[in-house]
Every structure is written in structure tokens, then in C-alpha cells.
Amino acid sequence: MKCLRCGTQNQDAAERCQACHQLLDETEWLDASQGYSGIVPGRNPPALIAYYLGVFSIIPLLGFLLGIAALILGLRGRKIAIEKPEVKGTAHAWIGILLGGFFVLVHLVVVLLVVVA
């Protein structure tokens, strides 16, 4: 049986993938990933992580690094959502990109103002 998550070929009797440990039964996999009615992109972790990092990038000092990570993961999550539309996560990826980018700029401006002053 082929894993829907990573593509690894497993034995037919296997319950979980030997590479990524994902459930191999397609119905269990789809039920587990759609637990929140498709609102939370459980099958697109980069987009989901980008969303949270973008939100938390408002934190002073630490926010600059979180914003950069949100940008990178948001772009990665968006690429995944474009290549595989069934995994969803486009909105979460965009929020990560926009918030991450915005707060990176805000932190840079604040640092420049402090240095100039």
C-alpha cells in the first residue's frame, strides 16, 4: 500500500507508513485530516505554522525572527497548496506571508529609528 502523505510503498497489511508513521487506511487518513471541517490545514503544516508564526511575530525583538520564519514557511505552504489543492492552506499561508513580512518591516523600521536617534 502506498502512503498518501509521503509516497512510500509499504506492505499491504501495514497499519502505518514505515517512513512517516501516517495511517495508511485512506478513510482514517482523510477523517483525521479533516477533523475541523477543512478549516485547519492539517495536511499542510508549513502553512499552519506560518500562520501562527505570523501572528506571534508582533512580539518585540523575537518577532523579527518569527516574521522571517513565517515568510519562508508561508511561501512553502503556498507552493504545497498550489501543487496539491486537496491539502488546502492557501489562506493560512497568505496570512503568514503578509503578517510575517509586515512585522519584519516594522521591526526593521524601529531598529533604524533607534539607531538614528
C-alpha atoms as a PDB file:
ATOM      1  CA  MET A   1       0.000   0.000   0.000  1.00  0.00           C
ATOM      2  CA  LYS A   2       1.351   3.436  -0.930  1.00  0.00           C
ATOM      3  CA  CYS A   3       1.359   6.189   1.718  1.00  0.00           C
ATOM      4  CA  LEU A   4      -0.796   9.172   0.744  1.00  0.00           C
ATOM      5  CA  ARG A   5       1.432  11.524   2.720  1.00  0.00           C
ATOM      6  CA  CYS A   6       4.997  10.698   1.649  1.00  0.00           C
ATOM      7  CA  GLY A   7       4.526   8.204  -1.206  1.00  0.00           C
ATOM      8  CA  THR A   8       6.484   5.354   0.418  1.00  0.00           C
ATOM      9  CA  GLN A   9       5.443   1.861  -0.675  1.00  0.00           C
ATOM     10  CA  ASN A  10       4.503  -0.234   2.398  1.00  0.00           C
ATOM     11  CA  GLN A  11       3.348  -3.805   2.968  1.00  0.00           C
ATOM     12  CA  ASP A  12      -0.356  -4.307   2.307  1.00  0.00           C
ATOM     13  CA  ALA A  13      -1.040  -5.392   5.906  1.00  0.00           C
ATOM     14  CA  ALA A  14       0.755  -2.389   7.454  1.00  0.00           C
ATOM     15  CA  GLU A  15      -1.381  -0.026   9.524  1.00  0.00           C
ATOM     16  CA  ARG A  16       1.074   2.888   9.428  1.00  0.00           C
ATOM     17  CA  CYS A  17       3.714   4.057   6.954  1.00  0.00           C
ATOM     18  CA  GLN A  18       7.196   2.801   7.760  1.00  0.00           C
ATOM     19  CA  ALA A  19       8.730   6.173   6.789  1.00  0.00           C
ATOM     20  CA  CYS A  20       6.405   8.854   8.199  1.00  0.00           C
ATOM     21  CA  HIS A  21       4.140   6.746  10.500  1.00  0.00           C
ATOM     22  CA  GLN A  22       0.979   8.131   8.886  1.00  0.00           C
ATOM     23  CA  LEU A  23      -2.162   5.952   8.952  1.00  0.00           C
ATOM     24  CA  LEU A  24      -2.362   4.018   5.683  1.00  0.00           C
ATOM     25  CA  ASP A  25      -6.100   3.416   5.636  1.00  0.00           C
ATOM     26  CA  GLU A  26      -7.353   6.158   3.309  1.00  0.00           C
ATOM     27  CA  THR A  27     -10.624   6.700   5.162  1.00  0.00           C
ATOM     28  CA  GLU A  28      -8.884   7.091   8.534  1.00  0.00           C
ATOM     29  CA  TRP A  29      -6.339   9.463   6.958  1.00  0.00           C
ATOM     30  CA  LEU A  30      -8.992  11.665   5.407  1.00  0.00           C
ATOM     31  CA  ASP A  31     -11.146  11.662   8.552  1.00  0.00           C
ATOM     32  CA  ALA A  32      -8.180  12.611  10.753  1.00  0.00           C
ATOM     33  CA  SER A  33      -7.012  15.392   8.441  1.00  0.00           C
ATOM     34  CA  GLN A  34     -10.461  16.940   8.010  1.00  0.00           C
ATOM     35  CA  GLY A  35     -11.327  16.964  11.711  1.00  0.00           C
ATOM     36  CA  TYR A  36     -12.104  20.690  11.738  1.00  0.00           C
ATOM     37  CA  SER A  37     -14.251  20.638   8.612  1.00  0.00           C
ATOM     38  CA  GLY A  38     -11.343  21.679   6.435  1.00  0.00           C
ATOM     39  CA  ILE A  39     -10.762  24.971   8.271  1.00  0.00           C
ATOM     40  CA  VAL A  40      -7.399  23.992   9.750  1.00  0.00           C
ATOM     41  CA  PRO A  41      -4.966  22.788   7.051  1.00  0.00           C
ATOM     42  CA  GLY A  42      -3.724  19.707   8.900  1.00  0.00           C
ATOM     43  CA  ARG A  43      -2.243  18.299   5.712  1.00  0.00           C
ATOM     44  CA  ASN A  44      -0.207  21.472   5.045  1.00  0.00           C
ATOM     45  CA  PRO A  45       1.951  22.004   8.157  1.00  0.00           C
ATOM     46  CA  PRO A  46       4.129  24.788   6.668  1.00  0.00           C
ATOM     47  CA  ALA A  47       1.042  26.934   6.026  1.00  0.00           C
ATOM     48  CA  LEU A  48      -0.346  26.310   9.504  1.00  0.00           C
ATOM     49  CA  ILE A  49       2.971  27.040  11.223  1.00  0.00           C
ATOM     50  CA  ALA A  50       3.445  30.161   9.058  1.00  0.00           C
ATOM     51  CA  TYR A  51       0.056  31.422  10.221  1.00  0.00           C
ATOM     52  CA  TYR A  52       0.951  31.125  13.910  1.00  0.00           C
ATOM     53  CA  LEU A  53       4.457  32.495  13.447  1.00  0.00           C
ATOM     54  CA  GLY A  54       2.993  35.457  11.548  1.00  0.00           C
ATOM     55  CA  VAL A  55       0.581  36.176  14.378  1.00  0.00           C
ATOM     56  CA  PHE A  56       3.305  35.900  17.036  1.00  0.00           C
ATOM     57  CA  SER A  57       5.774  37.986  15.038  1.00  0.00           C
ATOM     58  CA  ILE A  58       4.253  41.043  16.747  1.00  0.00           C
ATOM     59  CA  ILE A  59       6.373  40.155  19.809  1.00  0.00           C
ATOM     60  CA  PRO A  60       9.163  42.755  20.192  1.00  0.00           C
ATOM     61  CA  LEU A  61      12.714  41.598  19.378  1.00  0.00           C
ATOM     62  CA  LEU A  62      11.798  37.940  18.866  1.00  0.00           C
ATOM     63  CA  GLY A  63       9.195  38.957  16.277  1.00  0.00           C
ATOM     64  CA  PHE A  64      11.812  39.747  13.643  1.00  0.00           C
ATOM     65  CA  LEU A  65      12.998  36.134  13.556  1.00  0.00           C
ATOM     66  CA  LEU A  66       9.455  34.787  13.770  1.00  0.00           C
ATOM     67  CA  GLY A  67       8.444  37.033  10.869  1.00  0.00           C
ATOM     68  CA  ILE A  68      11.256  35.726   8.675  1.00  0.00           C
ATOM     69  CA  ALA A  69      10.292  32.138   9.502  1.00  0.00           C
ATOM     70  CA  ALA A  70       6.626  32.956   8.762  1.00  0.00           C
ATOM     71  CA  LEU A  71       7.602  34.341   5.355  1.00  0.00           C
ATOM     72  CA  ILE A  72       9.645  31.280   4.427  1.00  0.00           C
ATOM     73  CA  LEU A  73       7.106  28.735   5.678  1.00  0.00           C
ATOM     74  CA  GLY A  74       4.227  30.713   4.178  1.00  0.00           C
ATOM     75  CA  LEU A  75       5.842  30.595   0.753  1.00  0.00           C
ATOM     76  CA  ARG A  76       6.487  26.883   1.163  1.00  0.00           C
ATOM     77  CA  GLY A  77       2.899  26.254   2.320  1.00  0.00           C
ATOM     78  CA  ARG A  78       1.510  28.266  -0.584  1.00  0.00           C
ATOM     79  CA  LYS A  79       3.572  26.204  -3.030  1.00  0.00           C
ATOM     80  CA  ILE A  80       2.227  22.991  -1.498  1.00  0.00           C
ATOM     81  CA  ALA A  81      -1.364  24.297  -1.684  1.00  0.00           C
ATOM     82  CA  ILE A  82      -0.901  25.193  -5.360  1.00  0.00           C
ATOM     83  CA  GLU A  83       0.650  21.825  -6.263  1.00  0.00           C
ATOM     84  CA  LYS A  84      -1.895  19.795  -4.244  1.00  0.00           C
ATOM     85  CA  PRO A  85      -5.169  21.759  -3.867  1.00  0.00           C
ATOM     86  CA  GLU A  86      -6.712  18.986  -1.762  1.00  0.00           C
ATOM     87  CA  VAL A  87      -4.369  19.769   1.162  1.00  0.00           C
ATOM     88  CA  LYS A  88      -5.733  23.334   1.453  1.00  0.00           C
ATOM     89  CA  GLY A  89      -3.931  26.004   3.489  1.00  0.00           C
ATOM     90  CA  THR A  90      -3.726  28.844   0.967  1.00  0.00           C
ATOM     91  CA  ALA A  91      -5.325  31.376   3.323  1.00  0.00           C
ATOM     92  CA  HIS A  92      -3.119  30.338   6.251  1.00  0.00           C
ATOM     93  CA  ALA A  93      -0.023  30.605   4.040  1.00  0.00           C
ATOM     94  CA  TRP A  94      -1.011  34.100   2.835  1.00  0.00           C
ATOM     95  CA  ILE A  95      -1.679  35.289   6.384  1.00  0.00           C
ATOM     96  CA  GLY A  96       1.761  34.002   7.416  1.00  0.00           C
ATOM     97  CA  ILE A  97       3.395  35.730   4.441  1.00  0.00           C
ATOM     98  CA  LEU A  98       1.626  39.052   4.946  1.00  0.00           C
ATOM     99  CA  LEU A  99       1.903  39.264   8.729  1.00  0.00           C
ATOM    100  CA  GLY A 100       5.462  37.953   8.747  1.00  0.00           C
ATOM    101  CA  GLY A 101       6.544  40.424   6.071  1.00  0.00           C
ATOM    102  CA  PHE A 102       4.741  43.319   7.695  1.00  0.00           C
ATOM    103  CA  PHE A 103       6.235  42.758  11.133  1.00  0.00           C
ATOM    104  CA  VAL A 104       9.732  42.183   9.718  1.00  0.00           C
ATOM    105  CA  LEU A 105       9.451  45.641   8.132  1.00  0.00           C
ATOM    106  CA  VAL A 106       8.061  47.147  11.335  1.00  0.00           C
ATOM    107  CA  HIS A 107      10.920  45.706  13.391  1.00  0.00           C
ATOM    108  CA  LEU A 108      13.483  46.968  10.861  1.00  0.00           C
ATOM    109  CA  VAL A 109      11.998  50.480  10.938  1.00  0.00           C
ATOM    110  CA  VAL A 110      12.002  50.509  14.752  1.00  0.00           C
ATOM    111  CA  VAL A 111      15.642  49.388  14.856  1.00  0.00           C
ATOM    112  CA  LEU A 112      16.620  52.027  12.282  1.00  0.00           C
ATOM    113  CA  LEU A 113      14.811  54.732  14.277  1.00  0.00           C
ATOM    114  CA  VAL A 114      16.551  53.661  17.484  1.00  0.00           C
ATOM    115  CA  VAL A 115      19.958  53.670  15.763  1.00  0.00           C
ATOM    116  CA  VAL A 116      19.385  57.084  14.176  1.00  0.00           C
ATOM    117  CA  ALA A 117      18.070  58.598  17.425  1.00  0.00           C
END
